[in-house]
PDB file of N, CA and C in Angstrom:
ATOM      1  N   MET A   1     112.557 121.002  82.338  1.00  0.00           N
ATOM      2  CA  MET A   1     111.694 121.891  83.023  1.00  0.00           C
ATOM      3  C   MET A   1     111.044 121.260  84.240  1.00  0.00           C
ATOM      4  N   LYS A   2     111.210 121.851  85.369  1.00  0.00           N
ATOM      5  CA  LYS A   2     110.732 121.332  86.598  1.00  0.00           C
ATOM      6  C   LYS A   2     109.314 121.871  86.891  1.00  0.00           C
ATOM      7  N   ALA A   3     108.318 120.954  87.117  1.00  0.00           N
ATOM      8  CA  ALA A   3     106.961 121.380  87.398  1.00  0.00           C
ATOM      9  C   ALA A   3     106.849 121.856  88.836  1.00  0.00           C
ATOM     10  N   GLU A   4     106.124 122.882  89.037  1.00  0.00           N
ATOM     11  CA  GLU A   4     105.908 123.443  90.364  1.00  0.00           C
ATOM     12  C   GLU A   4     104.489 123.033  90.797  1.00  0.00           C
ATOM     13  N   LEU A   5     104.292 122.812  92.061  1.00  0.00           N
ATOM     14  CA  LEU A   5     102.961 122.484  92.609  1.00  0.00           C
ATOM     15  C   LEU A   5     102.141 123.752  92.736  1.00  0.00           C
ATOM     16  N   PRO A   6     101.015 123.799  92.090  1.00  0.00           N
ATOM     17  CA  PRO A   6     100.126 124.999  92.195  1.00  0.00           C
ATOM     18  C   PRO A   6      99.504 125.149  93.581  1.00  0.00           C
ATOM     19  N   GLU A   7      98.953 126.282  93.861  1.00  0.00           N
ATOM     20  CA  GLU A   7      98.283 126.567  95.124  1.00  0.00           C
ATOM     21  C   GLU A   7      97.110 125.523  95.263  1.00  0.00           C
ATOM     22  N   PHE A   8      96.692 125.340  96.531  1.00  0.00           N
ATOM     23  CA  PHE A   8      95.640 124.372  96.793  1.00  0.00           C
ATOM     24  C   PHE A   8      94.372 124.658  96.027  1.00  0.00           C
ATOM     25  N   ASP A   9      93.937 125.944  96.022  1.00  0.00           N
ATOM     26  CA  ASP A   9      92.701 126.260  95.323  1.00  0.00           C
ATOM     27  C   ASP A   9      92.773 125.925  93.827  1.00  0.00           C
ATOM     28  N   VAL A  10      93.896 126.093  93.224  1.00  0.00           N
ATOM     29  CA  VAL A  10      94.089 125.772  91.847  1.00  0.00           C
ATOM     30  C   VAL A  10      93.988 124.258  91.658  1.00  0.00           C
ATOM     31  N   LEU A  11      94.607 123.513  92.550  1.00  0.00           N
ATOM     32  CA  LEU A  11      94.506 122.048  92.505  1.00  0.00           C
ATOM     33  C   LEU A  11      93.082 121.562  92.675  1.00  0.00           C
ATOM     34  N   LEU A  12      92.358 122.192  93.604  1.00  0.00           N
ATOM     35  CA  LEU A  12      90.937 121.866  93.830  1.00  0.00           C
ATOM     36  C   LEU A  12      90.119 122.079  92.561  1.00  0.00           C
ATOM     37  N   GLU A  13      90.345 123.243  91.910  1.00  0.00           N
ATOM     38  CA  GLU A  13      89.619 123.517  90.703  1.00  0.00           C
ATOM     39  C   GLU A  13      89.953 122.543  89.590  1.00  0.00           C
ATOM     40  N   MET A  14      91.220 122.178  89.501  1.00  0.00           N
ATOM     41  CA  MET A  14      91.636 121.143  88.513  1.00  0.00           C
ATOM     42  C   MET A  14      90.954 119.857  88.769  1.00  0.00           C
ATOM     43  N   ALA A  15      90.897 119.445  90.048  1.00  0.00           N
ATOM     44  CA  ALA A  15      90.272 118.185  90.383  1.00  0.00           C
ATOM     45  C   ALA A  15      88.763 118.167  90.015  1.00  0.00           C
ATOM     46  N   GLU A  16      88.103 119.271  90.226  1.00  0.00           N
ATOM     47  CA  GLU A  16      86.682 119.378  89.935  1.00  0.00           C
ATOM     48  C   GLU A  16      86.345 119.553  88.484  1.00  0.00           C
ATOM     49  N   LYS A  17      87.164 120.374  87.764  1.00  0.00           N
ATOM     50  CA  LYS A  17      86.808 120.743  86.385  1.00  0.00           C
ATOM     51  C   LYS A  17      87.726 120.204  85.315  1.00  0.00           C
ATOM     52  N   ARG A  18      88.996 119.910  85.675  1.00  0.00           N
ATOM     53  CA  ARG A  18      89.931 119.402  84.670  1.00  0.00           C
ATOM     54  C   ARG A  18      90.786 118.282  85.226  1.00  0.00           C
ATOM     55  N   PRO A  19      90.121 117.137  85.563  1.00  0.00           N
ATOM     56  CA  PRO A  19      90.875 116.055  86.225  1.00  0.00           C
ATOM     57  C   PRO A  19      91.993 115.501  85.384  1.00  0.00           C
ATOM     58  N   GLU A  20      91.864 115.512  84.021  1.00  0.00           N
ATOM     59  CA  GLU A  20      92.901 115.015  83.137  1.00  0.00           C
ATOM     60  C   GLU A  20      94.125 115.904  83.251  1.00  0.00           C
ATOM     61  N   GLN A  21      93.990 117.170  83.465  1.00  0.00           N
ATOM     62  CA  GLN A  21      95.102 118.089  83.621  1.00  0.00           C
ATOM     63  C   GLN A  21      95.812 117.847  84.974  1.00  0.00           C
ATOM     64  N   LEU A  22      95.021 117.588  85.988  1.00  0.00           N
ATOM     65  CA  LEU A  22      95.546 117.256  87.339  1.00  0.00           C
ATOM     66  C   LEU A  22      96.335 115.962  87.253  1.00  0.00           C
ATOM     67  N   GLU A  23      95.851 114.977  86.553  1.00  0.00           N
ATOM     68  CA  GLU A  23      96.538 113.684  86.390  1.00  0.00           C
ATOM     69  C   GLU A  23      97.852 113.868  85.662  1.00  0.00           C
ATOM     70  N   ALA A  24      97.854 114.711  84.603  1.00  0.00           N
ATOM     71  CA  ALA A  24      99.087 115.036  83.867  1.00  0.00           C
ATOM     72  C   ALA A  24     100.099 115.688  84.797  1.00  0.00           C
ATOM     73  N   LEU A  25      99.660 116.613  85.611  1.00  0.00           N
ATOM     74  CA  LEU A  25     100.547 117.265  86.558  1.00  0.00           C
ATOM     75  C   LEU A  25     101.142 116.243  87.562  1.00  0.00           C
ATOM     76  N   ARG A  26     100.295 115.391  88.074  1.00  0.00           N
ATOM     77  CA  ARG A  26     100.710 114.347  89.030  1.00  0.00           C
ATOM     78  C   ARG A  26     101.779 113.456  88.363  1.00  0.00           C
ATOM     79  N   SER A  27     101.526 113.042  87.151  1.00  0.00           N
ATOM     80  CA  SER A  27     102.517 112.157  86.454  1.00  0.00           C
ATOM     81  C   SER A  27     103.822 112.916  86.235  1.00  0.00           C
ATOM     82  N   GLU A  28     103.749 114.177  85.851  1.00  0.00           N
ATOM     83  CA  GLU A  28     104.933 114.950  85.631  1.00  0.00           C
ATOM     84  C   GLU A  28     105.754 115.117  86.928  1.00  0.00           C
ATOM     85  N   LEU A  29     105.071 115.379  88.048  1.00  0.00           N
ATOM     86  CA  LEU A  29     105.757 115.571  89.334  1.00  0.00           C
ATOM     87  C   LEU A  29     106.390 114.257  89.798  1.00  0.00           C
ATOM     88  N   VAL A  30     105.690 113.148  89.606  1.00  0.00           N
ATOM     89  CA  VAL A  30     106.199 111.839  90.015  1.00  0.00           C
ATOM     90  C   VAL A  30     107.457 111.521  89.199  1.00  0.00           C
ATOM     91  N   GLU A  31     107.401 111.750  87.908  1.00  0.00           N
ATOM     92  CA  GLU A  31     108.515 111.473  87.023  1.00  0.00           C
ATOM     93  C   GLU A  31     109.710 112.367  87.423  1.00  0.00           C
ATOM     94  N   ALA A  32     109.444 113.602  87.787  1.00  0.00           N
ATOM     95  CA  ALA A  32     110.535 114.496  88.201  1.00  0.00           C
ATOM     96  C   ALA A  32     111.228 114.002  89.453  1.00  0.00           C
ATOM     97  N   VAL A  33     110.446 113.473  90.408  1.00  0.00           N
ATOM     98  CA  VAL A  33     111.029 112.951  91.643  1.00  0.00           C
ATOM     99  C   VAL A  33     111.841 111.703  91.335  1.00  0.00           C
ATOM    100  N   ILE A  34     111.273 110.801  90.548  1.00  0.00           N
ATOM    101  CA  ILE A  34     112.037 109.557  90.223  1.00  0.00           C
ATOM    102  C   ILE A  34     113.317 109.912  89.461  1.00  0.00           C
ATOM    103  N   SER A  35     113.230 110.792  88.504  1.00  0.00           N
ATOM    104  CA  SER A  35     114.379 111.167  87.700  1.00  0.00           C
ATOM    105  C   SER A  35     115.475 111.860  88.509  1.00  0.00           C
ATOM    106  N   SER A  36     115.078 112.496  89.608  1.00  0.00           N
ATOM    107  CA  SER A  36     116.062 113.173  90.443  1.00  0.00           C
ATOM    108  C   SER A  36     116.724 112.253  91.450  1.00  0.00           C
ATOM    109  N   ALA A  37     116.236 110.989  91.563  1.00  0.00           N
ATOM    110  CA  ALA A  37     116.804 110.051  92.480  1.00  0.00           C
ATOM    111  C   ALA A  37     118.097 109.505  91.896  1.00  0.00           C
ATOM    112  N   ARG A  38     118.925 108.879  92.764  1.00  0.00           N
ATOM    113  CA  ARG A  38     120.115 108.247  92.290  1.00  0.00           C
ATOM    114  C   ARG A  38     119.747 107.205  91.223  1.00  0.00           C
ATOM    115  N   GLU A  39     120.591 107.043  90.256  1.00  0.00           N
ATOM    116  CA  GLU A  39     120.306 106.114  89.177  1.00  0.00           C
ATOM    117  C   GLU A  39     120.082 104.680  89.649  1.00  0.00           C
ATOM    118  N   ASP A  40     120.808 104.252  90.650  1.00  0.00           N
ATOM    119  CA  ASP A  40     120.614 102.899  91.139  1.00  0.00           C
ATOM    120  C   ASP A  40     119.281 102.696  91.906  1.00  0.00           C
ATOM    121  N   CYS A  41     118.590 103.752  92.243  1.00  0.00           N
ATOM    122  CA  CYS A  41     117.313 103.673  92.942  1.00  0.00           C
ATOM    123  C   CYS A  41     116.130 103.834  91.988  1.00  0.00           C
ATOM    124  N   GLN A  42     116.372 104.354  90.797  1.00  0.00           N
ATOM    125  CA  GLN A  42     115.278 104.679  89.875  1.00  0.00           C
ATOM    126  C   GLN A  42     114.433 103.491  89.487  1.00  0.00           C
ATOM    127  N   ARG A  43     115.072 102.341  89.232  1.00  0.00           N
ATOM    128  CA  ARG A  43     114.288 101.141  88.808  1.00  0.00           C
ATOM    129  C   ARG A  43     113.325 100.712  89.892  1.00  0.00           C
ATOM    130  N   ARG A  44     113.826 100.695  91.122  1.00  0.00           N
ATOM    131  CA  ARG A  44     112.955 100.328  92.264  1.00  0.00           C
ATOM    132  C   ARG A  44     111.804 101.301  92.444  1.00  0.00           C
ATOM    133  N   LEU A  45     112.092 102.626  92.287  1.00  0.00           N
ATOM    134  CA  LEU A  45     111.065 103.632  92.435  1.00  0.00           C
ATOM    135  C   LEU A  45     110.013 103.491  91.289  1.00  0.00           C
ATOM    136  N   ARG A  46     110.458 103.190  90.086  1.00  0.00           N
ATOM    137  CA  ARG A  46     109.508 102.986  88.988  1.00  0.00           C
ATOM    138  C   ARG A  46     108.635 101.767  89.236  1.00  0.00           C
ATOM    139  N   GLY A  47     109.201 100.726  89.827  1.00  0.00           N
ATOM    140  CA  GLY A  47     108.424  99.545  90.212  1.00  0.00           C
ATOM    141  C   GLY A  47     107.396  99.871  91.255  1.00  0.00           C
ATOM    142  N   LEU A  48     107.799 100.642  92.226  1.00  0.00           N
ATOM    143  CA  LEU A  48     106.860 101.028  93.288  1.00  0.00           C
ATOM    144  C   LEU A  48     105.757 101.923  92.739  1.00  0.00           C
ATOM    145  N   GLN A  49     106.102 102.841  91.823  1.00  0.00           N
ATOM    146  CA  GLN A  49     105.096 103.674  91.202  1.00  0.00           C
ATOM    147  C   GLN A  49     104.144 102.841  90.368  1.00  0.00           C
ATOM    148  N   PHE A  50     104.638 101.814  89.715  1.00  0.00           N
ATOM    149  CA  PHE A  50     103.791 100.929  88.920  1.00  0.00           C
ATOM    150  C   PHE A  50     102.778 100.264  89.844  1.00  0.00           C
ATOM    151  N   GLN A  51     103.203  99.788  91.014  1.00  0.00           N
ATOM    152  CA  GLN A  51     102.298  99.157  91.993  1.00  0.00           C
ATOM    153  C   GLN A  51     101.217 100.199  92.455  1.00  0.00           C
ATOM    154  N   ILE A  52     101.658 101.408  92.716  1.00  0.00           N
ATOM    155  CA  ILE A  52     100.741 102.464  93.151  1.00  0.00           C
ATOM    156  C   ILE A  52      99.733 102.744  92.066  1.00  0.00           C
ATOM    157  N   ASP A  53     100.202 102.914  90.844  1.00  0.00           N
ATOM    158  CA  ASP A  53      99.298 103.178  89.726  1.00  0.00           C
ATOM    159  C   ASP A  53      98.314 102.032  89.486  1.00  0.00           C
ATOM    160  N   SER A  54      98.779 100.799  89.602  1.00  0.00           N
ATOM    161  CA  SER A  54      97.912  99.659  89.456  1.00  0.00           C
ATOM    162  C   SER A  54      96.863  99.639  90.551  1.00  0.00           C
ATOM    163  N   THR A  55      97.223  99.928  91.732  1.00  0.00           N
ATOM    164  CA  THR A  55      96.278  99.985  92.847  1.00  0.00           C
ATOM    165  C   THR A  55      95.230 101.062  92.589  1.00  0.00           C
ATOM    166  N   ARG A  56      95.659 102.212  92.134  1.00  0.00           N
ATOM    167  CA  ARG A  56      94.726 103.277  91.804  1.00  0.00           C
ATOM    168  C   ARG A  56      93.730 102.874  90.756  1.00  0.00           C
ATOM    169  N   ARG A  57      94.212 102.213  89.690  1.00  0.00           N
ATOM    170  CA  ARG A  57      93.340 101.778  88.584  1.00  0.00           C
ATOM    171  C   ARG A  57      92.312 100.728  89.006  1.00  0.00           C
ATOM    172  N   THR A  58      92.738  99.793  89.853  1.00  0.00           N
ATOM    173  CA  THR A  58      91.843  98.696  90.261  1.00  0.00           C
ATOM    174  C   THR A  58      90.915  99.026  91.432  1.00  0.00           C
ATOM    175  N   ALA A  59      91.199 100.085  92.157  1.00  0.00           N
ATOM    176  CA  ALA A  59      90.341 100.414  93.293  1.00  0.00           C
ATOM    177  C   ALA A  59      89.006 101.021  92.754  1.00  0.00           C
ATOM    178  N   GLY A  60      87.962 100.813  93.488  1.00  0.00           N
ATOM    179  CA  GLY A  60      86.674 101.253  93.071  1.00  0.00           C
ATOM    180  C   GLY A  60      86.454 102.737  93.144  1.00  0.00           C
ATOM    181  N   SER A  61      87.236 103.411  93.960  1.00  0.00           N
ATOM    182  CA  SER A  61      87.049 104.851  94.161  1.00  0.00           C
ATOM    183  C   SER A  61      88.380 105.448  94.610  1.00  0.00           C
ATOM    184  N   PRO A  62      88.490 106.760  94.556  1.00  0.00           N
ATOM    185  CA  PRO A  62      89.706 107.403  95.029  1.00  0.00           C
ATOM    186  C   PRO A  62      89.942 107.090  96.521  1.00  0.00           C
ATOM    187  N   MET A  63      88.912 106.991  97.323  1.00  0.00           N
ATOM    188  CA  MET A  63      89.067 106.703  98.780  1.00  0.00           C
ATOM    189  C   MET A  63      89.582 105.281  98.907  1.00  0.00           C
ATOM    190  N   ALA A  64      89.051 104.314  98.167  1.00  0.00           N
ATOM    191  CA  ALA A  64      89.490 102.934  98.244  1.00  0.00           C
ATOM    192  C   ALA A  64      90.966 102.862  97.828  1.00  0.00           C
ATOM    193  N   ALA A  65      91.371 103.640  96.811  1.00  0.00           N
ATOM    194  CA  ALA A  65      92.774 103.625  96.399  1.00  0.00           C
ATOM    195  C   ALA A  65      93.633 104.208  97.484  1.00  0.00           C
ATOM    196  N   CYS A  66      93.206 105.254  98.106  1.00  0.00           N
ATOM    197  CA  CYS A  66      93.972 105.907  99.222  1.00  0.00           C
ATOM    198  C   CYS A  66      94.169 104.896 100.332  1.00  0.00           C
ATOM    199  N   LEU A  67      93.110 104.179 100.669  1.00  0.00           N
ATOM    200  CA  LEU A  67      93.233 103.214 101.774  1.00  0.00           C
ATOM    201  C   LEU A  67      94.131 102.102 101.443  1.00  0.00           C
ATOM    202  N   ARG A  68      94.067 101.594 100.209  1.00  0.00           N
ATOM    203  CA  ARG A  68      94.925 100.488  99.813  1.00  0.00           C
ATOM    204  C   ARG A  68      96.411 100.900  99.757  1.00  0.00           C
ATOM    205  N   ILE A  69      96.661 102.092  99.249  1.00  0.00           N
ATOM    206  CA  ILE A  69      98.036 102.596  99.168  1.00  0.00           C
ATOM    207  C   ILE A  69      98.568 102.855 100.593  1.00  0.00           C
ATOM    208  N   SER A  70      97.720 103.344 101.448  1.00  0.00           N
ATOM    209  CA  SER A  70      98.089 103.556 102.838  1.00  0.00           C
ATOM    210  C   SER A  70      98.452 102.217 103.526  1.00  0.00           C
ATOM    211  N   GLN A  71      97.667 101.195 103.195  1.00  0.00           N
ATOM    212  CA  GLN A  71      97.974  99.855 103.758  1.00  0.00           C
ATOM    213  C   GLN A  71      99.284  99.327 103.254  1.00  0.00           C
ATOM    214  N   MET A  72      99.602  99.579 101.967  1.00  0.00           N
ATOM    215  CA  MET A  72     100.892  99.183 101.408  1.00  0.00           C
ATOM    216  C   MET A  72     102.020  99.850 102.147  1.00  0.00           C
ATOM    217  N   MET A  73     101.847 101.172 102.412  1.00  0.00           N
ATOM    218  CA  MET A  73     102.852 101.903 103.132  1.00  0.00           C
ATOM    219  C   MET A  73     103.048 101.341 104.556  1.00  0.00           C
ATOM    220  N   HIS A  74     101.951 101.093 105.262  1.00  0.00           N
ATOM    221  CA  HIS A  74     102.063 100.559 106.613  1.00  0.00           C
ATOM    222  C   HIS A  74     102.702  99.190 106.652  1.00  0.00           C
ATOM    223  N   GLU A  75     102.406  98.343 105.673  1.00  0.00           N
ATOM    224  CA  GLU A  75     103.077  97.006 105.595  1.00  0.00           C
ATOM    225  C   GLU A  75     104.562  97.136 105.370  1.00  0.00           C
ATOM    226  N   SER A  76     104.938  98.084 104.518  1.00  0.00           N
ATOM    227  CA  SER A  76     106.347  98.299 104.199  1.00  0.00           C
ATOM    228  C   SER A  76     107.069  98.838 105.445  1.00  0.00           C
ATOM    229  N   LEU A  77     106.481  99.789 106.143  1.00  0.00           N
ATOM    230  CA  LEU A  77     107.062 100.304 107.332  1.00  0.00           C
ATOM    231  C   LEU A  77     107.162  99.247 108.443  1.00  0.00           C
ATOM    232  N   ASN A  78     106.155  98.412 108.541  1.00  0.00           N
ATOM    233  CA  ASN A  78     106.177  97.320 109.547  1.00  0.00           C
ATOM    234  C   ASN A  78     107.285  96.363 109.201  1.00  0.00           C
ATOM    235  N   ASN A  79     107.449  95.989 107.938  1.00  0.00           N
ATOM    236  CA  ASN A  79     108.559  95.095 107.540  1.00  0.00           C
ATOM    237  C   ASN A  79     109.893  95.704 107.887  1.00  0.00           C
ATOM    238  N   LEU A  80     110.030  96.991 107.615  1.00  0.00           N
ATOM    239  CA  LEU A  80     111.283  97.691 107.942  1.00  0.00           C
ATOM    240  C   LEU A  80     111.534  97.646 109.452  1.00  0.00           C
ATOM    241  N   ARG A  81     110.518  97.886 110.208  1.00  0.00           N
ATOM    242  CA  ARG A  81     110.627  97.887 111.700  1.00  0.00           C
ATOM    243  C   ARG A  81     111.055  96.494 112.132  1.00  0.00           C
ATOM    244  N   GLU A  82     110.449  95.442 111.599  1.00  0.00           N
ATOM    245  CA  GLU A  82     110.842  94.078 111.972  1.00  0.00           C
ATOM    246  C   GLU A  82     112.255  93.764 111.633  1.00  0.00           C
ATOM    247  N   CYS A  83     112.716  94.209 110.429  1.00  0.00           N
ATOM    248  CA  CYS A  83     114.097  93.979 110.056  1.00  0.00           C
ATOM    249  C   CYS A  83     115.072  94.716 110.978  1.00  0.00           C
ATOM    250  N   LEU A  84     114.707  95.893 111.371  1.00  0.00           N
ATOM    251  CA  LEU A  84     115.621  96.655 112.247  1.00  0.00           C
ATOM    252  C   LEU A  84     115.621  96.130 113.706  1.00  0.00           C
ATOM    253  N   ASN A  85     114.458  95.683 114.146  1.00  0.00           N
ATOM    254  CA  ASN A  85     114.325  95.242 115.583  1.00  0.00           C
ATOM    255  C   ASN A  85     114.569  93.757 115.779  1.00  0.00           C
ATOM    256  N   GLU A  86     114.557  92.957 114.730  1.00  0.00           N
ATOM    257  CA  GLU A  86     114.722  91.524 114.877  1.00  0.00           C
ATOM    258  C   GLU A  86     115.778  91.041 113.874  1.00  0.00           C
ATOM    259  N   PRO A  87     117.008  91.510 113.972  1.00  0.00           N
ATOM    260  CA  PRO A  87     118.042  91.048 113.031  1.00  0.00           C
ATOM    261  C   PRO A  87     118.335  89.579 113.229  1.00  0.00           C
ATOM    262  N   VAL A  88     118.756  88.933 112.114  1.00  0.00           N
ATOM    263  CA  VAL A  88     119.188  87.541 112.211  1.00  0.00           C
ATOM    264  C   VAL A  88     120.512  87.522 112.967  1.00  0.00           C
ATOM    265  N   SER A  89     120.483  86.970 114.189  1.00  0.00           N
ATOM    266  CA  SER A  89     121.674  87.116 115.005  1.00  0.00           C
ATOM    267  C   SER A  89     122.379  85.748 115.227  1.00  0.00           C
ATOM    268  N   SER A  90     121.700  84.679 115.419  1.00  0.00           N
ATOM    269  CA  SER A  90     122.341  83.444 115.749  1.00  0.00           C
ATOM    270  C   SER A  90     122.815  82.725 114.501  1.00  0.00           C
ATOM    271  N   ALA A  91     123.868  81.929 114.646  1.00  0.00           N
ATOM    272  CA  ALA A  91     124.397  81.198 113.479  1.00  0.00           C
ATOM    273  C   ALA A  91     123.398  80.190 112.987  1.00  0.00           C
ATOM    274  N   SER A  92     122.596  79.619 113.916  1.00  0.00           N
ATOM    275  CA  SER A  92     121.611  78.591 113.437  1.00  0.00           C
ATOM    276  C   SER A  92     120.561  79.260 112.566  1.00  0.00           C
ATOM    277  N   GLN A  93     120.148  80.492 112.884  1.00  0.00           N
ATOM    278  CA  GLN A  93     119.162  81.173 112.024  1.00  0.00           C
ATOM    279  C   GLN A  93     119.799  81.521 110.670  1.00  0.00           C
ATOM    280  N   ARG A  94     121.031  81.934 110.671  1.00  0.00           N
ATOM    281  CA  ARG A  94     121.708  82.303 109.427  1.00  0.00           C
ATOM    282  C   ARG A  94     121.855  81.027 108.550  1.00  0.00           C
ATOM    283  N   ASP A  95     122.124  79.862 109.175  1.00  0.00           N
ATOM    284  CA  ASP A  95     122.253  78.649 108.420  1.00  0.00           C
ATOM    285  C   ASP A  95     120.954  78.215 107.765  1.00  0.00           C
ATOM    286  N   GLN A  96     119.823  78.620 108.321  1.00  0.00           N
ATOM    287  CA  GLN A  96     118.534  78.204 107.777  1.00  0.00           C
ATOM    288  C   GLN A  96     118.140  79.038 106.582  1.00  0.00           C
ATOM    289  N   ILE A  97     118.801  80.163 106.318  1.00  0.00           N
ATOM    290  CA  ILE A  97     118.485  81.011 105.203  1.00  0.00           C
ATOM    291  C   ILE A  97     119.034  80.449 103.940  1.00  0.00           C
ATOM    292  N   GLN A  98     118.144  80.255 102.949  1.00  0.00           N
ATOM    293  CA  GLN A  98     118.584  79.731 101.652  1.00  0.00           C
ATOM    294  C   GLN A  98     118.821  80.906 100.729  1.00  0.00           C
ATOM    295  N   VAL A  99     119.974  80.925 100.080  1.00  0.00           N
ATOM    296  CA  VAL A  99     120.272  81.949  99.104  1.00  0.00           C
ATOM    297  C   VAL A  99     119.489  81.650  97.842  1.00  0.00           C
ATOM    298  N   GLN A 100     118.805  82.620  97.348  1.00  0.00           N
ATOM    299  CA  GLN A 100     118.008  82.450  96.123  1.00  0.00           C
ATOM    300  C   GLN A 100     118.637  83.308  95.018  1.00  0.00           C
ATOM    301  N   THR A 101     118.646  82.781  93.806  1.00  0.00           N
ATOM    302  CA  THR A 101     119.205  83.554  92.679  1.00  0.00           C
ATOM    303  C   THR A 101     118.154  83.691  91.589  1.00  0.00           C
ATOM    304  N   THR A 102     118.322  84.670  90.742  1.00  0.00           N
ATOM    305  CA  THR A 102     117.436  84.815  89.573  1.00  0.00           C
ATOM    306  C   THR A 102     118.173  84.328  88.374  1.00  0.00           C
ATOM    307  N   ASP A 103     117.576  84.468  87.229  1.00  0.00           N
ATOM    308  CA  ASP A 103     118.146  83.990  85.962  1.00  0.00           C
ATOM    309  C   ASP A 103     119.521  84.607  85.705  1.00  0.00           C
ATOM    310  N   ASP A 104     119.670  85.847  86.133  1.00  0.00           N
ATOM    311  CA  ASP A 104     120.986  86.489  85.838  1.00  0.00           C
ATOM    312  C   ASP A 104     121.892  86.425  87.095  1.00  0.00           C
ATOM    313  N   ASP A 105     121.670  85.461  87.956  1.00  0.00           N
ATOM    314  CA  ASP A 105     122.510  85.122  89.121  1.00  0.00           C
ATOM    315  C   ASP A 105     122.764  86.257  90.081  1.00  0.00           C
ATOM    316  N   ARG A 106     121.820  87.168  90.184  1.00  0.00           N
ATOM    317  CA  ARG A 106     121.896  88.156  91.227  1.00  0.00           C
ATOM    318  C   ARG A 106     121.322  87.596  92.529  1.00  0.00           C
ATOM    319  N   VAL A 107     121.899  87.840  93.648  1.00  0.00           N
ATOM    320  CA  VAL A 107     121.398  87.307  94.928  1.00  0.00           C
ATOM    321  C   VAL A 107     120.227  88.165  95.369  1.00  0.00           C
ATOM    322  N   VAL A 108     119.146  87.490  95.771  1.00  0.00           N
ATOM    323  CA  VAL A 108     118.004  88.177  96.289  1.00  0.00           C
ATOM    324  C   VAL A 108     118.342  88.720  97.650  1.00  0.00           C
ATOM    325  N   SER A 109     117.867  89.904  97.938  1.00  0.00           N
ATOM    326  CA  SER A 109     118.244  90.564  99.188  1.00  0.00           C
ATOM    327  C   SER A 109     117.660  89.868 100.419  1.00  0.00           C
ATOM    328  N   MET A 110     118.365  90.067 101.519  1.00  0.00           N
ATOM    329  CA  MET A 110     117.911  89.532 102.829  1.00  0.00           C
ATOM    330  C   MET A 110     116.603  90.221 103.197  1.00  0.00           C
ATOM    331  N   LEU A 111     116.392  91.439 102.842  1.00  0.00           N
ATOM    332  CA  LEU A 111     115.127  92.133 103.156  1.00  0.00           C
ATOM    333  C   LEU A 111     113.951  91.438 102.535  1.00  0.00           C
ATOM    334  N   GLY A 112     114.099  90.945 101.301  1.00  0.00           N
ATOM    335  CA  GLY A 112     113.020  90.210 100.659  1.00  0.00           C
ATOM    336  C   GLY A 112     112.653  88.952 101.479  1.00  0.00           C
ATOM    337  N   TYR A 113     113.660  88.243 101.937  1.00  0.00           N
ATOM    338  CA  TYR A 113     113.457  87.057 102.736  1.00  0.00           C
ATOM    339  C   TYR A 113     112.697  87.457 104.021  1.00  0.00           C
ATOM    340  N   ARG A 114     113.163  88.484 104.677  1.00  0.00           N
ATOM    341  CA  ARG A 114     112.569  88.891 105.978  1.00  0.00           C
ATOM    342  C   ARG A 114     111.090  89.316 105.745  1.00  0.00           C
ATOM    343  N   MET A 115     110.877  90.019 104.591  1.00  0.00           N
ATOM    344  CA  MET A 115     109.500  90.472 104.329  1.00  0.00           C
ATOM    345  C   MET A 115     108.558  89.290 104.114  1.00  0.00           C
ATOM    346  N   ARG A 116     109.017  88.292 103.353  1.00  0.00           N
ATOM    347  CA  ARG A 116     108.134  87.107 103.101  1.00  0.00           C
ATOM    348  C   ARG A 116     107.898  86.384 104.453  1.00  0.00           C
ATOM    349  N   LYS A 117     108.899  86.286 105.275  1.00  0.00           N
ATOM    350  CA  LYS A 117     108.787  85.575 106.580  1.00  0.00           C
ATOM    351  C   LYS A 117     107.792  86.320 107.461  1.00  0.00           C
ATOM    352  N   ALA A 118     107.893  87.674 107.488  1.00  0.00           N
ATOM    353  CA  ALA A 118     106.980  88.458 108.318  1.00  0.00           C
ATOM    354  C   ALA A 118     105.515  88.349 107.822  1.00  0.00           C
ATOM    355  N   LYS A 119     105.377  88.378 106.501  1.00  0.00           N
ATOM    356  CA  LYS A 119     104.062  88.278 105.890  1.00  0.00           C
ATOM    357  C   LYS A 119     103.406  86.937 106.263  1.00  0.00           C
ATOM    358  N   LYS A 120     104.177  85.858 106.141  1.00  0.00           N
ATOM    359  CA  LYS A 120     103.626  84.509 106.511  1.00  0.00           C
ATOM    360  C   LYS A 120     103.233  84.486 107.975  1.00  0.00           C
ATOM    361  N   ARG A 121     104.058  85.112 108.850  1.00  0.00           N
ATOM    362  CA  ARG A 121     103.726  85.118 110.226  1.00  0.00           C
ATOM    363  C   ARG A 121     102.469  85.855 110.512  1.00  0.00           C
ATOM    364  N   ARG A 122     102.291  87.015 109.852  1.00  0.00           N
ATOM    365  CA  ARG A 122     101.039  87.814 110.058  1.00  0.00           C
ATOM    366  C   ARG A 122      99.843  87.022 109.544  1.00  0.00           C
ATOM    367  N   GLN A 123      99.966  86.354 108.390  1.00  0.00           N
ATOM    368  CA  GLN A 123      98.908  85.569 107.845  1.00  0.00           C
ATOM    369  C   GLN A 123      98.476  84.488 108.828  1.00  0.00           C
ATOM    370  N   GLY A 124      99.488  83.834 109.454  1.00  0.00           N
ATOM    371  CA  GLY A 124      99.191  82.779 110.436  1.00  0.00           C
ATOM    372  C   GLY A 124      98.503  83.316 111.653  1.00  0.00           C
ATOM    373  N   GLU A 125      98.921  84.531 112.088  1.00  0.00           N
ATOM    374  CA  GLU A 125      98.259  85.148 113.268  1.00  0.00           C
ATOM    375  C   GLU A 125      96.814  85.538 112.913  1.00  0.00           C
ATOM    376  N   SER A 126      96.574  86.043 111.763  1.00  0.00           N
ATOM    377  CA  SER A 126      95.205  86.479 111.399  1.00  0.00           C
ATOM    378  C   SER A 126      94.288  85.277 111.227  1.00  0.00           C
ATOM    379  N   ALA A 127      94.834  84.117 110.833  1.00  0.00           N
ATOM    380  CA  ALA A 127      94.029  82.947 110.682  1.00  0.00           C
ATOM    381  C   ALA A 127      93.567  82.409 112.068  1.00  0.00           C
ATOM    382  N   LEU A 128      94.335  82.725 113.111  1.00  0.00           N
ATOM    383  CA  LEU A 128      93.983  82.292 114.462  1.00  0.00           C
ATOM    384  C   LEU A 128      92.905  83.125 115.064  1.00  0.00           C
ATOM    385  N   VAL A 129      92.684  84.321 114.600  1.00  0.00           N
ATOM    386  CA  VAL A 129      91.710  85.239 115.188  1.00  0.00           C
ATOM    387  C   VAL A 129      90.352  84.903 114.835  1.00  0.00           C
TER     388      VAL A 129
END
């Protein structure tokens, strides 16, 4: 059974009078989206949803949660932009990349390396300010 999104006024009423019902609807809709994704993407989507849910739980208010989740999105988009605009092009840069493996010998993606590198660079820039 696919859940449909109610009209805005119904959602507003749920938020004000029946927040647990609104949360159940949110969970149902999120699960429907994840389940409809390709099977090879579902694990990553569940991990991302876990991060979002954790952020919501630890934030002091709904607005704080919104701001933190928005920041996560902007960081992710910035990392993607950096990967697209600054590809590893020279052989010397490629030689400096160390291949990392996990316990089950899967190679960690290049995107993970680029994201860590970009984060360290941003942290260094913010320390200078």
